């Protein structure tokens, strides 16, 4: 990965970490879950509304945490809003592979995707939980 790409990815993480998108609570919402990372104290609540066609009409989060956890939640909400649940679940699988360092066989995500900014987290195993916390809350909310 060249230095310009690394710099862009760092800017994306800082931007979303300091000014998270879709911060707040959906009203109304029909799905919600809490996320907690005891390793660094990150906490969030994810709320979203899924319509009768299984489309995520709105998705938001509240909470506090490190730049990586906030950036990941912010990027996730931007990516998933307007998508069918089945597509969102495939993106979840791709993202889990991306941050764990096995990005060779991704089905949906590619290097132009802003979520790629979090690929480098795979080199820091203790930070993977920060990057995936919001995503696991999303999966948990789908069960409810």
N, C-alpha and C. Protein backbone atom coordinates (compact mmCIF):
# COMPACT_ATOMS: atom_id res chain seq x y z
N UNK A 1 0.85 -1.17 0.00
CA UNK A 1 0.00 0.00 0.00
C UNK A 1 0.90 1.24 0.00
N UNK A 2 0.65 2.14 -0.93
CA UNK A 2 1.52 3.32 -1.01
C UNK A 2 1.18 4.35 0.07
N UNK A 3 2.09 5.30 0.27
CA UNK A 3 1.96 6.27 1.35
C UNK A 3 0.74 7.18 1.20
N UNK A 4 0.37 7.52 -0.05
CA UNK A 4 -0.81 8.37 -0.25
C UNK A 4 -2.08 7.68 0.20
N UNK A 5 -2.18 6.39 -0.10
CA UNK A 5 -3.35 5.62 0.32
C UNK A 5 -3.39 5.53 1.84
N UNK A 6 -2.25 5.24 2.46
CA UNK A 6 -2.19 5.17 3.93
C UNK A 6 -2.62 6.48 4.56
N UNK A 7 -2.16 7.59 3.98
CA UNK A 7 -2.52 8.91 4.51
C UNK A 7 -4.02 9.16 4.37
N UNK A 8 -4.59 8.80 3.22
CA UNK A 8 -6.02 8.95 3.00
C UNK A 8 -6.79 8.13 4.02
N UNK A 9 -6.39 6.87 4.22
CA UNK A 9 -7.07 6.01 5.17
C UNK A 9 -7.00 6.59 6.58
N UNK A 10 -5.84 7.13 6.96
CA UNK A 10 -5.69 7.73 8.28
C UNK A 10 -6.62 8.93 8.42
N UNK A 11 -6.73 9.73 7.37
CA UNK A 11 -7.63 10.89 7.40
C UNK A 11 -9.09 10.46 7.56
N UNK A 12 -9.47 9.39 6.89
CA UNK A 12 -10.85 8.88 6.99
C UNK A 12 -11.14 8.47 8.42
N UNK A 13 -10.23 7.72 9.04
CA UNK A 13 -10.43 7.27 10.42
C UNK A 13 -10.52 8.46 11.37
N UNK A 14 -9.61 9.41 11.23
CA UNK A 14 -9.64 10.59 12.10
C UNK A 14 -10.92 11.40 11.91
N UNK A 15 -11.32 11.60 10.66
CA UNK A 15 -12.52 12.38 10.36
C UNK A 15 -13.75 11.73 10.99
N UNK A 16 -13.94 10.44 10.76
CA UNK A 16 -15.12 9.75 11.28
C UNK A 16 -15.02 9.55 12.79
N UNK A 17 -13.82 9.44 13.32
CA UNK A 17 -13.65 9.29 14.77
C UNK A 17 -13.97 10.58 15.51
N UNK A 18 -13.62 11.71 14.92
CA UNK A 18 -13.86 13.01 15.56
C UNK A 18 -15.24 13.58 15.26
N UNK A 19 -15.78 13.24 14.11
CA UNK A 19 -17.09 13.76 13.69
C UNK A 19 -17.92 12.62 13.12
N UNK A 20 -18.36 11.69 13.99
CA UNK A 20 -19.07 10.51 13.49
C UNK A 20 -20.38 10.86 12.80
N UNK A 21 -20.65 10.19 11.71
CA UNK A 21 -21.89 10.35 10.97
C UNK A 21 -22.97 9.49 11.63
N UNK A 22 -24.21 9.88 11.43
CA UNK A 22 -25.36 9.12 11.93
C UNK A 22 -25.29 8.88 13.43
N UNK A 23 -24.81 9.88 14.16
CA UNK A 23 -24.72 9.79 15.61
C UNK A 23 -26.05 10.24 16.20
N UNK A 24 -26.64 9.43 17.01
CA UNK A 24 -27.94 9.70 17.61
C UNK A 24 -28.73 8.42 17.68
N UNK A 25 -30.00 8.54 17.95
CA UNK A 25 -30.85 7.36 18.04
C UNK A 25 -31.97 7.46 17.01
N UNK A 26 -32.21 6.36 16.30
CA UNK A 26 -33.30 6.32 15.32
C UNK A 26 -34.64 6.37 16.06
N UNK A 27 -35.54 7.18 15.53
CA UNK A 27 -36.87 7.24 16.09
C UNK A 27 -37.85 7.38 14.94
N UNK A 28 -38.58 6.36 14.60
CA UNK A 28 -38.69 5.09 15.31
C UNK A 28 -37.57 4.12 14.90
N UNK A 29 -37.43 3.07 15.68
CA UNK A 29 -36.54 1.97 15.31
C UNK A 29 -37.20 0.66 15.71
N UNK A 30 -36.84 -0.39 15.00
CA UNK A 30 -37.37 -1.71 15.33
C UNK A 30 -36.27 -2.74 15.57
N UNK A 31 -35.03 -2.28 15.56
CA UNK A 31 -33.87 -3.13 15.87
C UNK A 31 -32.91 -2.32 16.72
N UNK A 32 -32.34 -2.97 17.74
CA UNK A 32 -31.33 -2.29 18.56
C UNK A 32 -30.47 -3.31 19.27
N UNK A 33 -29.28 -2.89 19.61
CA UNK A 33 -28.36 -3.73 20.39
C UNK A 33 -27.28 -2.83 20.97
N UNK A 34 -26.70 -3.30 22.05
CA UNK A 34 -25.59 -2.60 22.69
C UNK A 34 -24.29 -3.30 22.36
N UNK A 35 -23.24 -2.53 22.26
CA UNK A 35 -21.90 -3.07 22.07
C UNK A 35 -21.00 -2.58 23.19
N UNK A 36 -20.12 -3.46 23.63
CA UNK A 36 -19.20 -3.09 24.71
C UNK A 36 -17.87 -3.79 24.47
N UNK A 37 -16.80 -3.04 24.59
CA UNK A 37 -15.46 -3.61 24.49
C UNK A 37 -14.77 -3.37 25.83
N UNK A 38 -14.72 -4.40 26.68
CA UNK A 38 -14.13 -4.23 28.00
C UNK A 38 -12.63 -3.94 27.97
N UNK A 39 -11.96 -4.26 26.87
CA UNK A 39 -10.52 -4.04 26.79
C UNK A 39 -10.15 -2.56 26.82
N UNK A 40 -10.98 -1.72 26.20
CA UNK A 40 -10.64 -0.29 26.20
C UNK A 40 -11.81 0.60 26.62
N UNK A 41 -12.91 -0.01 27.06
CA UNK A 41 -14.02 0.77 27.60
C UNK A 41 -14.97 1.37 26.58
N UNK A 42 -14.91 0.93 25.34
CA UNK A 42 -15.83 1.44 24.31
C UNK A 42 -17.24 0.91 24.59
N UNK A 43 -18.23 1.78 24.43
CA UNK A 43 -19.64 1.41 24.57
C UNK A 43 -20.43 2.08 23.48
N UNK A 44 -21.42 1.37 22.93
CA UNK A 44 -22.31 2.01 21.98
C UNK A 44 -23.67 1.35 22.01
N UNK A 45 -24.64 2.09 21.53
CA UNK A 45 -25.98 1.56 21.31
C UNK A 45 -26.30 1.81 19.84
N UNK A 46 -26.67 0.76 19.15
CA UNK A 46 -27.01 0.83 17.74
C UNK A 46 -28.52 0.69 17.60
N UNK A 47 -29.15 1.59 16.86
CA UNK A 47 -30.58 1.50 16.58
C UNK A 47 -30.78 1.65 15.07
N UNK A 48 -31.71 0.87 14.54
CA UNK A 48 -32.03 1.02 13.13
C UNK A 48 -33.45 0.59 12.84
N UNK A 49 -33.94 1.03 11.69
CA UNK A 49 -35.29 0.71 11.26
C UNK A 49 -35.20 -0.07 9.95
N UNK A 50 -35.79 -1.27 9.98
CA UNK A 50 -35.86 -2.13 8.79
C UNK A 50 -37.31 -2.15 8.34
N UNK A 51 -37.54 -1.82 7.07
CA UNK A 51 -38.92 -1.80 6.56
C UNK A 51 -39.39 -3.19 6.15
N UNK A 52 -40.62 -3.28 5.66
CA UNK A 52 -41.23 -4.56 5.30
C UNK A 52 -40.52 -5.25 4.14
N UNK A 53 -39.71 -4.51 3.38
CA UNK A 53 -38.95 -5.10 2.28
C UNK A 53 -37.54 -5.48 2.69
N UNK A 54 -37.27 -5.49 3.99
CA UNK A 54 -35.95 -5.82 4.55
C UNK A 54 -34.86 -4.83 4.15
N UNK A 55 -35.24 -3.58 3.98
CA UNK A 55 -34.30 -2.50 3.68
C UNK A 55 -34.03 -1.72 4.97
N UNK A 56 -32.76 -1.42 5.20
CA UNK A 56 -32.39 -0.60 6.35
C UNK A 56 -32.66 0.86 5.97
N UNK A 57 -33.78 1.38 6.45
CA UNK A 57 -34.16 2.75 6.10
C UNK A 57 -33.33 3.78 6.85
N UNK A 58 -33.03 3.49 8.10
CA UNK A 58 -32.23 4.42 8.90
C UNK A 58 -31.42 3.61 9.90
N UNK A 59 -30.23 4.09 10.22
CA UNK A 59 -29.36 3.41 11.18
C UNK A 59 -28.49 4.47 11.86
N UNK A 60 -28.46 4.41 13.18
CA UNK A 60 -27.69 5.40 13.95
C UNK A 60 -27.08 4.72 15.17
N UNK A 61 -26.15 5.43 15.79
CA UNK A 61 -25.55 4.91 17.02
C UNK A 61 -25.27 6.05 17.98
N UNK A 62 -25.18 5.69 19.24
CA UNK A 62 -24.74 6.60 20.29
C UNK A 62 -23.67 5.87 21.08
N UNK A 63 -22.87 6.61 21.80
CA UNK A 63 -21.87 5.98 22.65
C UNK A 63 -20.58 6.76 22.67
N UNK A 64 -19.59 6.12 23.26
CA UNK A 64 -18.27 6.73 23.35
C UNK A 64 -17.23 5.64 23.21
N UNK A 65 -16.07 6.06 22.72
CA UNK A 65 -15.01 5.09 22.54
C UNK A 65 -13.82 5.71 21.83
N UNK A 66 -12.90 4.86 21.47
CA UNK A 66 -11.69 5.30 20.78
C UNK A 66 -12.02 5.70 19.34
N UNK A 67 -11.06 6.33 18.69
CA UNK A 67 -11.27 6.78 17.31
C UNK A 67 -11.62 5.63 16.38
N UNK A 68 -11.01 4.47 16.60
CA UNK A 68 -11.27 3.33 15.71
C UNK A 68 -12.70 2.83 15.88
N UNK A 69 -13.18 2.69 17.10
CA UNK A 69 -14.54 2.18 17.30
C UNK A 69 -15.58 3.18 16.78
N UNK A 70 -15.36 4.47 17.02
CA UNK A 70 -16.30 5.48 16.52
C UNK A 70 -16.27 5.57 15.00
N UNK A 71 -15.07 5.54 14.43
CA UNK A 71 -14.95 5.60 12.97
C UNK A 71 -15.60 4.39 12.32
N UNK A 72 -15.39 3.22 12.90
CA UNK A 72 -15.98 2.01 12.34
C UNK A 72 -17.50 2.07 12.38
N UNK A 73 -18.06 2.50 13.51
CA UNK A 73 -19.52 2.62 13.63
C UNK A 73 -20.06 3.64 12.63
N UNK A 74 -19.37 4.76 12.49
CA UNK A 74 -19.79 5.81 11.57
C UNK A 74 -19.75 5.31 10.12
N UNK A 75 -18.65 4.69 9.74
CA UNK A 75 -18.51 4.15 8.39
C UNK A 75 -19.54 3.06 8.12
N UNK A 76 -19.79 2.22 9.13
CA UNK A 76 -20.78 1.15 8.98
C UNK A 76 -22.16 1.73 8.70
N UNK A 77 -22.56 2.74 9.46
CA UNK A 77 -23.90 3.30 9.26
C UNK A 77 -24.03 3.93 7.88
N UNK A 78 -22.97 4.58 7.42
CA UNK A 78 -23.01 5.15 6.07
C UNK A 78 -23.15 4.06 5.01
N UNK A 79 -22.44 2.97 5.21
CA UNK A 79 -22.43 1.89 4.22
C UNK A 79 -23.75 1.12 4.19
N UNK A 80 -24.35 0.88 5.36
CA UNK A 80 -25.50 -0.01 5.43
C UNK A 80 -26.84 0.68 5.18
N UNK A 81 -26.91 1.98 5.37
CA UNK A 81 -28.18 2.68 5.19
C UNK A 81 -28.65 2.53 3.75
N UNK A 82 -29.90 2.07 3.59
CA UNK A 82 -30.49 1.90 2.27
C UNK A 82 -30.29 0.53 1.66
N UNK A 83 -29.57 -0.35 2.35
CA UNK A 83 -29.30 -1.68 1.81
C UNK A 83 -30.28 -2.73 2.34
N UNK A 84 -30.44 -3.80 1.56
CA UNK A 84 -31.19 -4.96 2.04
C UNK A 84 -30.37 -5.65 3.12
N UNK A 85 -31.06 -6.25 4.07
CA UNK A 85 -30.40 -6.96 5.16
C UNK A 85 -29.44 -8.02 4.62
N UNK A 86 -29.83 -8.75 3.59
CA UNK A 86 -28.96 -9.82 3.05
C UNK A 86 -27.64 -9.25 2.52
N UNK A 87 -27.68 -8.09 1.90
CA UNK A 87 -26.46 -7.45 1.41
C UNK A 87 -25.63 -6.95 2.59
N UNK A 88 -26.29 -6.38 3.58
CA UNK A 88 -25.58 -5.90 4.77
C UNK A 88 -24.86 -7.05 5.47
N UNK A 89 -25.47 -8.22 5.51
CA UNK A 89 -24.83 -9.38 6.14
C UNK A 89 -23.60 -9.82 5.36
N UNK A 90 -23.63 -9.72 4.05
CA UNK A 90 -22.45 -10.05 3.24
C UNK A 90 -21.33 -9.03 3.48
N UNK A 91 -21.69 -7.77 3.63
CA UNK A 91 -20.70 -6.74 3.93
C UNK A 91 -20.09 -7.01 5.30
N UNK A 92 -20.90 -7.43 6.26
CA UNK A 92 -20.39 -7.80 7.58
C UNK A 92 -19.31 -8.87 7.45
N UNK A 93 -19.59 -9.91 6.66
CA UNK A 93 -18.61 -11.00 6.46
C UNK A 93 -17.33 -10.47 5.83
N UNK A 94 -17.48 -9.64 4.80
CA UNK A 94 -16.30 -9.04 4.15
C UNK A 94 -15.50 -8.20 5.13
N UNK A 95 -16.19 -7.39 5.93
CA UNK A 95 -15.49 -6.51 6.87
C UNK A 95 -14.73 -7.33 7.91
N UNK A 96 -15.33 -8.40 8.40
CA UNK A 96 -14.65 -9.26 9.37
C UNK A 96 -13.37 -9.84 8.77
N UNK A 97 -13.43 -10.23 7.51
CA UNK A 97 -12.23 -10.74 6.83
C UNK A 97 -11.20 -9.62 6.66
N UNK A 98 -11.67 -8.45 6.26
CA UNK A 98 -10.79 -7.31 6.01
C UNK A 98 -9.96 -6.96 7.24
N UNK A 99 -10.60 -6.84 8.40
CA UNK A 99 -9.87 -6.41 9.59
C UNK A 99 -9.10 -7.55 10.26
N UNK A 100 -9.36 -8.79 9.82
CA UNK A 100 -8.59 -9.90 10.37
C UNK A 100 -7.41 -10.26 9.47
N UNK A 101 -7.25 -9.51 8.38
CA UNK A 101 -6.09 -9.70 7.53
C UNK A 101 -6.26 -10.66 6.38
N UNK A 102 -7.48 -11.16 6.15
CA UNK A 102 -7.68 -12.10 5.04
C UNK A 102 -8.62 -11.48 4.00
N UNK A 103 -8.11 -10.48 3.30
CA UNK A 103 -8.95 -9.72 2.37
C UNK A 103 -8.84 -10.18 0.92
N UNK A 104 -8.34 -11.38 0.70
CA UNK A 104 -8.14 -11.85 -0.68
C UNK A 104 -9.44 -12.23 -1.39
N UNK A 105 -10.43 -12.71 -0.65
CA UNK A 105 -11.64 -13.22 -1.30
C UNK A 105 -12.90 -12.45 -0.88
N UNK A 106 -12.80 -11.13 -0.85
CA UNK A 106 -13.96 -10.32 -0.49
C UNK A 106 -14.98 -10.32 -1.63
N UNK A 107 -16.26 -10.39 -1.29
CA UNK A 107 -17.30 -10.44 -2.31
C UNK A 107 -17.82 -9.06 -2.71
N UNK A 108 -17.85 -8.13 -1.77
CA UNK A 108 -18.46 -6.82 -2.04
C UNK A 108 -17.47 -5.68 -1.88
N UNK A 109 -16.74 -5.66 -0.78
CA UNK A 109 -15.83 -4.55 -0.51
C UNK A 109 -14.62 -4.57 -1.43
N UNK A 110 -14.13 -3.38 -1.78
CA UNK A 110 -12.91 -3.27 -2.57
C UNK A 110 -12.11 -2.07 -2.06
N UNK A 111 -10.94 -1.86 -2.63
CA UNK A 111 -10.02 -0.84 -2.12
C UNK A 111 -10.57 0.58 -2.22
N UNK A 112 -11.54 0.83 -3.09
CA UNK A 112 -12.13 2.16 -3.18
C UNK A 112 -13.13 2.43 -2.06
N UNK A 113 -13.53 1.39 -1.36
CA UNK A 113 -14.52 1.53 -0.30
C UNK A 113 -13.90 2.18 0.93
N UNK A 114 -14.61 3.10 1.54
CA UNK A 114 -14.08 3.79 2.72
C UNK A 114 -13.81 2.84 3.89
N UNK A 115 -14.49 1.71 3.93
CA UNK A 115 -14.24 0.73 5.00
C UNK A 115 -12.82 0.17 4.94
N UNK A 116 -12.20 0.25 3.78
CA UNK A 116 -10.81 -0.21 3.64
C UNK A 116 -9.86 0.58 4.52
N UNK A 117 -10.29 1.76 4.97
CA UNK A 117 -9.45 2.56 5.88
C UNK A 117 -9.12 1.78 7.15
N UNK A 118 -9.95 0.81 7.49
CA UNK A 118 -9.75 0.04 8.72
C UNK A 118 -8.98 -1.26 8.49
N UNK A 119 -8.53 -1.49 7.28
CA UNK A 119 -7.79 -2.73 6.98
C UNK A 119 -6.55 -2.87 7.86
N UNK A 120 -5.85 -1.78 8.12
CA UNK A 120 -4.62 -1.82 8.90
C UNK A 120 -4.81 -2.28 10.33
N UNK A 121 -6.04 -2.27 10.82
CA UNK A 121 -6.32 -2.72 12.19
C UNK A 121 -5.90 -4.17 12.37
N UNK A 122 -5.94 -4.94 11.30
CA UNK A 122 -5.56 -6.35 11.37
C UNK A 122 -4.15 -6.56 11.89
N UNK A 123 -3.29 -5.57 11.74
CA UNK A 123 -1.93 -5.67 12.25
C UNK A 123 -1.83 -5.43 13.74
N UNK A 124 -2.93 -5.07 14.37
CA UNK A 124 -2.97 -4.80 15.81
C UNK A 124 -4.13 -5.58 16.42
N UNK A 125 -3.90 -6.85 16.75
CA UNK A 125 -4.99 -7.72 17.21
C UNK A 125 -5.83 -7.15 18.35
N UNK A 126 -5.24 -6.37 19.23
CA UNK A 126 -6.00 -5.80 20.34
C UNK A 126 -7.01 -4.75 19.86
N UNK A 127 -6.81 -4.21 18.66
CA UNK A 127 -7.70 -3.17 18.14
C UNK A 127 -8.81 -3.73 17.24
N UNK A 128 -8.71 -5.01 16.88
CA UNK A 128 -9.75 -5.61 16.03
C UNK A 128 -11.11 -5.53 16.72
N UNK A 129 -11.15 -5.75 18.02
CA UNK A 129 -12.42 -5.66 18.75
C UNK A 129 -12.99 -4.25 18.69
N UNK A 130 -12.13 -3.24 18.68
CA UNK A 130 -12.59 -1.85 18.55
C UNK A 130 -13.29 -1.67 17.20
N UNK A 131 -12.69 -2.21 16.16
CA UNK A 131 -13.21 -2.03 14.80
C UNK A 131 -14.47 -2.84 14.55
N UNK A 132 -14.63 -3.97 15.24
CA UNK A 132 -15.76 -4.85 14.96
C UNK A 132 -16.92 -4.72 15.94
N UNK A 133 -16.76 -3.94 16.99
CA UNK A 133 -17.79 -3.85 18.03
C UNK A 133 -19.15 -3.44 17.46
N UNK A 134 -19.21 -2.38 16.67
CA UNK A 134 -20.48 -1.93 16.10
C UNK A 134 -21.07 -2.98 15.17
N UNK A 135 -20.22 -3.67 14.44
CA UNK A 135 -20.67 -4.70 13.50
C UNK A 135 -21.29 -5.88 14.24
N UNK A 136 -20.70 -6.26 15.36
CA UNK A 136 -21.27 -7.35 16.16
C UNK A 136 -22.59 -6.92 16.80
N UNK A 137 -22.69 -5.66 17.17
CA UNK A 137 -23.97 -5.14 17.67
C UNK A 137 -25.03 -5.21 16.57
N UNK A 138 -24.63 -4.91 15.34
CA UNK A 138 -25.55 -5.02 14.21
C UNK A 138 -26.07 -6.45 14.06
N UNK A 139 -25.16 -7.41 14.10
CA UNK A 139 -25.56 -8.82 13.97
C UNK A 139 -26.47 -9.24 15.12
N UNK A 140 -26.15 -8.79 16.33
CA UNK A 140 -26.97 -9.10 17.50
C UNK A 140 -28.37 -8.51 17.36
N UNK A 141 -28.46 -7.29 16.87
CA UNK A 141 -29.76 -6.64 16.69
C UNK A 141 -30.63 -7.39 15.69
N UNK A 142 -30.02 -8.01 14.70
CA UNK A 142 -30.79 -8.76 13.71
C UNK A 142 -31.46 -9.99 14.32
N UNK A 143 -30.89 -10.52 15.39
CA UNK A 143 -31.47 -11.69 16.06
C UNK A 143 -32.73 -11.34 16.83
N UNK A 144 -32.84 -10.09 17.23
CA UNK A 144 -33.97 -9.67 18.08
C UNK A 144 -35.19 -9.30 17.26
